[in-house]
Structures are given as structure tokens and as C-alpha cells.
């Protein structure tokens, strides 16, 4: 009887150890590698909608043009932002509000993800050059996005990037990668 009880107690202890190890692994994973972030607002429509939940890679990534990123809430704007990287340090950005076209380094951007043409320049002077270590970001819903075209946001320090958006995890009908 004692042998059976000892074996039962040993099995319970092993289950607890496995549970604690799994919980510690998940805490470390969601603290240092990935995060879940909610979209707030309509600045990324049609790519993302308010309330969407995103899986964000928070380490081991290199920001590139076209990436959708999450910007930390401690920037001067005061809220976490989800935006698309249009240009990186050293790039020259120009916006032709009459035609709705955006140029980076003299090349017209192919932007199949935007809701409508870029008809607003904001309060920044174009053309402009992005300083090294900074990013120029814009929402996909250009007419309803506060982004780097406005001095309230301006250039984003690369150190303020929480991570790169990998997947939409909610709503379940739209689960998948973000392009």
C-alpha cells in the first residue's frame, strides 16, 4: 500500500514539475520573443481592423521597408501604434498629394495594401530624408492615419519598435499572416 501511495505521489509531483516548467517557458516566450497586441483604431484598414489581435515578434528581427510594426506607447503620441514601415534611415521620402503617390529614393511605391491614395502630406516638409536609426511609418488607411507625415509622430526611433507583426490571431475568420 505504501509503495502504491508513494508511486502515486511521485506521479503527482512529476505532473506539477511539468506544469511549472511549461508555465515558465510560456512566460519567457511571451516576455522576450513574442507578444500579443490589439489594434486600436482604423489607421491600418483594410489590412487590419480595430480589435484585431496580433502576434508580434519582439526580438531577433530586422526592420525592413514594408513591414508592419508595433511602436511602443511611450513615444510622445502616448499610444501604441501599428503602422507600416515606408522608409528606413538614409531613405528620401516624397509625397505627391495631387496624384496620391509616395516615392522612396525616387522610386514610386507599389502599394496594393492601401485603402486609398495618399492625398494628405500632413505638416511635414517633403521631400525629406529619414535620419539614420529612425523610420518613416504610415498607416494603410492614409486619409485616416496619424503617422510620420505629422510632427506629432514624426520619425520613429528604431529602439521604440516593440516588434514586427507576424500573424493576426483574432478574429478567427481572419487568422493568418500580415502582408
Protein backbone atom coordinates (compact mmCIF):
# COMPACT_ATOMS: atom_id res chain seq x y z
CA UNK A 1 0.00 0.00 0.00
CA UNK A 2 2.73 2.50 0.88
CA UNK A 3 4.57 1.64 -2.31
CA UNK A 4 1.44 2.37 -4.36
CA UNK A 5 0.84 5.63 -2.47
CA UNK A 6 4.49 6.68 -2.92
CA UNK A 7 4.26 5.98 -6.67
CA UNK A 8 1.03 7.99 -6.88
CA UNK A 9 2.61 10.92 -5.01
CA UNK A 10 5.65 10.73 -7.28
CA UNK A 11 3.39 10.92 -10.37
CA UNK A 12 1.62 13.98 -8.93
CA UNK A 13 4.97 15.69 -8.25
CA UNK A 14 6.12 14.93 -11.82
CA UNK A 15 2.91 16.47 -13.21
CA UNK A 16 3.42 19.59 -11.10
CA UNK A 17 7.04 19.87 -12.26
CA UNK A 18 5.97 19.55 -15.90
CA UNK A 19 3.23 22.13 -15.38
CA UNK A 20 5.61 24.61 -13.71
CA UNK A 21 8.21 24.11 -16.46
CA UNK A 22 5.59 24.68 -19.19
CA UNK A 23 4.28 27.79 -17.44
CA UNK A 24 7.80 29.21 -17.02
CA UNK A 25 8.51 28.51 -20.70
CA UNK A 26 5.34 30.34 -21.78
CA UNK A 27 6.12 33.33 -19.55
CA UNK A 28 9.63 33.60 -21.01
CA UNK A 29 8.33 33.12 -24.57
CA UNK A 30 5.68 35.84 -24.25
CA UNK A 31 8.06 38.18 -22.41
CA UNK A 32 11.11 38.03 -24.67
CA UNK A 33 10.15 36.51 -28.02
CA UNK A 34 6.52 37.21 -28.96
CA UNK A 35 3.71 39.41 -27.71
CA UNK A 36 0.00 39.69 -28.37
CA UNK A 37 -1.14 43.23 -29.24
CA UNK A 38 -4.60 44.59 -30.03
CA UNK A 39 -5.21 47.03 -32.89
CA UNK A 40 -6.87 50.25 -31.75
CA UNK A 41 -8.38 52.43 -34.48
CA UNK A 42 -8.86 52.39 -38.22
CA UNK A 43 -5.48 53.64 -39.49
CA UNK A 44 -4.50 50.23 -40.91
CA UNK A 45 -7.77 49.39 -42.72
CA UNK A 46 -8.07 47.36 -44.99
CA UNK A 47 -5.06 45.34 -43.76
CA UNK A 48 -6.08 45.40 -40.08
CA UNK A 49 -9.22 46.43 -38.24
CA UNK A 50 -9.78 47.84 -34.77
CA UNK A 51 -9.99 44.95 -32.31
CA UNK A 52 -7.78 42.58 -34.31
CA UNK A 53 -5.30 40.68 -32.16
CA UNK A 54 -1.78 40.38 -33.49
CA UNK A 55 1.13 38.08 -32.72
CA UNK A 56 4.22 40.30 -32.66
CA UNK A 57 7.82 39.09 -32.86
CA UNK A 58 9.55 41.19 -30.23
CA UNK A 59 13.15 40.07 -30.71
CA UNK A 60 15.51 38.77 -33.36
CA UNK A 61 14.06 40.73 -36.28
CA UNK A 62 15.42 43.35 -38.66
CA UNK A 63 13.01 46.13 -39.64
CA UNK A 64 12.62 46.48 -43.41
CA UNK A 65 10.53 48.62 -45.73
CA UNK A 66 7.00 47.24 -45.98
CA UNK A 67 6.99 45.58 -42.54
CA UNK A 68 4.01 46.17 -40.27
CA UNK A 69 5.35 47.06 -36.84
CA UNK A 70 4.11 47.98 -33.38
CA UNK A 71 5.55 51.16 -31.91
CA UNK A 72 5.85 51.46 -28.13
CA UNK A 73 3.34 53.62 -26.27
CA UNK A 74 5.94 55.78 -24.53
CA UNK A 75 6.61 57.81 -27.68
CA UNK A 76 5.32 61.37 -27.48
CA UNK A 77 1.98 60.40 -29.10
CA UNK A 78 1.25 58.31 -26.00
CA UNK A 79 -0.45 55.25 -27.53
CA UNK A 80 0.94 52.07 -29.07
CA UNK A 81 0.78 52.39 -32.84
CA UNK A 82 0.51 49.75 -35.55
CA UNK A 83 1.96 51.13 -38.79
CA UNK A 84 3.73 50.10 -41.98
CA UNK A 85 7.42 50.98 -42.46
CA UNK A 86 7.71 53.13 -45.58
CA UNK A 87 11.35 54.17 -45.29
CA UNK A 88 14.41 53.48 -43.14
CA UNK A 89 17.39 55.62 -42.16
CA UNK A 90 19.01 57.36 -45.13
CA UNK A 91 15.95 56.99 -47.41
CA UNK A 92 14.46 60.04 -49.11
CA UNK A 93 10.65 60.23 -48.99
CA UNK A 94 8.42 62.36 -51.19
CA UNK A 95 4.63 62.50 -51.40
CA UNK A 96 2.70 63.91 -54.34
CA UNK A 97 -0.68 64.72 -52.78
CA UNK A 98 -2.18 65.64 -56.16
CA UNK A 99 -1.59 62.20 -57.67
CA UNK A 100 -1.65 60.34 -54.33
CA UNK A 101 1.76 58.78 -54.97
CA UNK A 102 4.54 58.04 -52.49
CA UNK A 103 8.17 57.88 -53.61
CA UNK A 104 11.14 56.43 -51.72
CA UNK A 105 14.57 57.19 -53.13
CA UNK A 106 12.92 58.41 -56.33
CA UNK A 107 11.03 55.13 -56.86
CA UNK A 108 7.23 55.04 -56.88
CA UNK A 109 5.98 52.63 -54.19
CA UNK A 110 3.72 49.80 -55.31
CA UNK A 111 1.15 49.82 -52.50
CA UNK A 112 -1.64 47.29 -53.13
CA UNK A 113 -2.41 47.28 -49.39
CA UNK A 114 -3.62 50.89 -49.06
CA UNK A 115 -7.29 51.84 -48.72
CA UNK A 116 -6.98 54.90 -50.96
CA UNK A 117 -4.34 57.15 -52.50
CA UNK A 118 -2.16 59.34 -50.27
CA UNK A 119 -3.85 62.74 -50.73
CA UNK A 120 -2.57 64.29 -47.49
CA UNK A 121 1.01 65.35 -46.83
CA UNK A 122 0.47 66.19 -43.17
CA UNK A 123 2.52 69.01 -41.67
CA UNK A 124 5.99 67.72 -42.60
CA UNK A 125 8.01 69.29 -45.42
CA UNK A 126 8.59 66.96 -48.39
CA UNK A 127 10.81 65.69 -49.78
CA UNK A 128 12.58 64.66 -46.58
CA UNK A 129 15.43 62.35 -45.63
CA UNK A 130 14.95 59.85 -42.81
CA UNK A 131 17.77 60.17 -40.22
CA UNK A 132 19.90 57.10 -39.54
CA UNK A 133 18.43 54.95 -36.77
CA UNK A 134 14.91 56.19 -37.49
CA UNK A 135 11.90 55.03 -39.54
CA UNK A 136 9.19 56.75 -41.55
CA UNK A 137 5.87 54.94 -40.99
CA UNK A 138 2.37 55.31 -42.38
CA UNK A 139 -0.99 53.67 -41.88
CA UNK A 140 -2.59 51.80 -44.78
CA UNK A 141 -5.73 53.94 -44.42
CA UNK A 142 -3.89 57.09 -45.49
CA UNK A 143 -6.78 59.54 -45.18
CA UNK A 144 -7.46 58.41 -41.58
CA UNK A 145 -3.99 57.80 -40.16
CA UNK A 146 -1.85 59.88 -37.83
CA UNK A 147 1.67 58.81 -38.78
CA UNK A 148 5.13 60.11 -39.74
CA UNK A 149 3.56 62.71 -42.05
CA UNK A 150 2.63 64.64 -38.90
CA UNK A 151 5.04 66.21 -36.42
CA UNK A 152 3.05 64.67 -33.53
CA UNK A 153 4.51 61.32 -34.63
CA UNK A 154 7.40 62.25 -36.92
CA UNK A 155 10.32 59.90 -37.38
CA UNK A 156 10.25 56.80 -35.19
CA UNK A 157 13.39 55.79 -33.35
CA UNK A 158 14.14 52.13 -34.18
CA UNK A 159 14.55 51.49 -30.44
CA UNK A 160 10.85 52.33 -29.98
CA UNK A 161 9.74 49.39 -32.11
CA UNK A 162 8.10 46.74 -29.91
CA UNK A 163 8.14 44.23 -32.71
CA UNK A 164 7.21 43.10 -36.17
CA UNK A 165 3.68 41.85 -36.77
CA UNK A 166 3.71 38.18 -37.77
CA UNK A 167 0.10 36.97 -37.69
CA UNK A 168 -3.41 38.05 -36.95
CA UNK A 169 -4.78 35.69 -34.28
CA UNK A 170 -8.24 37.20 -33.92
CA UNK A 171 -10.90 37.35 -35.31
CA UNK A 172 -10.75 33.66 -36.05
CA UNK A 173 -12.23 34.20 -39.52
CA UNK A 174 -9.19 36.29 -40.49
CA UNK A 175 -6.33 34.34 -38.87
CA UNK A 176 -3.17 34.49 -40.95
CA UNK A 177 -0.02 36.35 -41.85
CA UNK A 178 0.01 40.07 -42.50
CA UNK A 179 1.40 41.39 -45.78
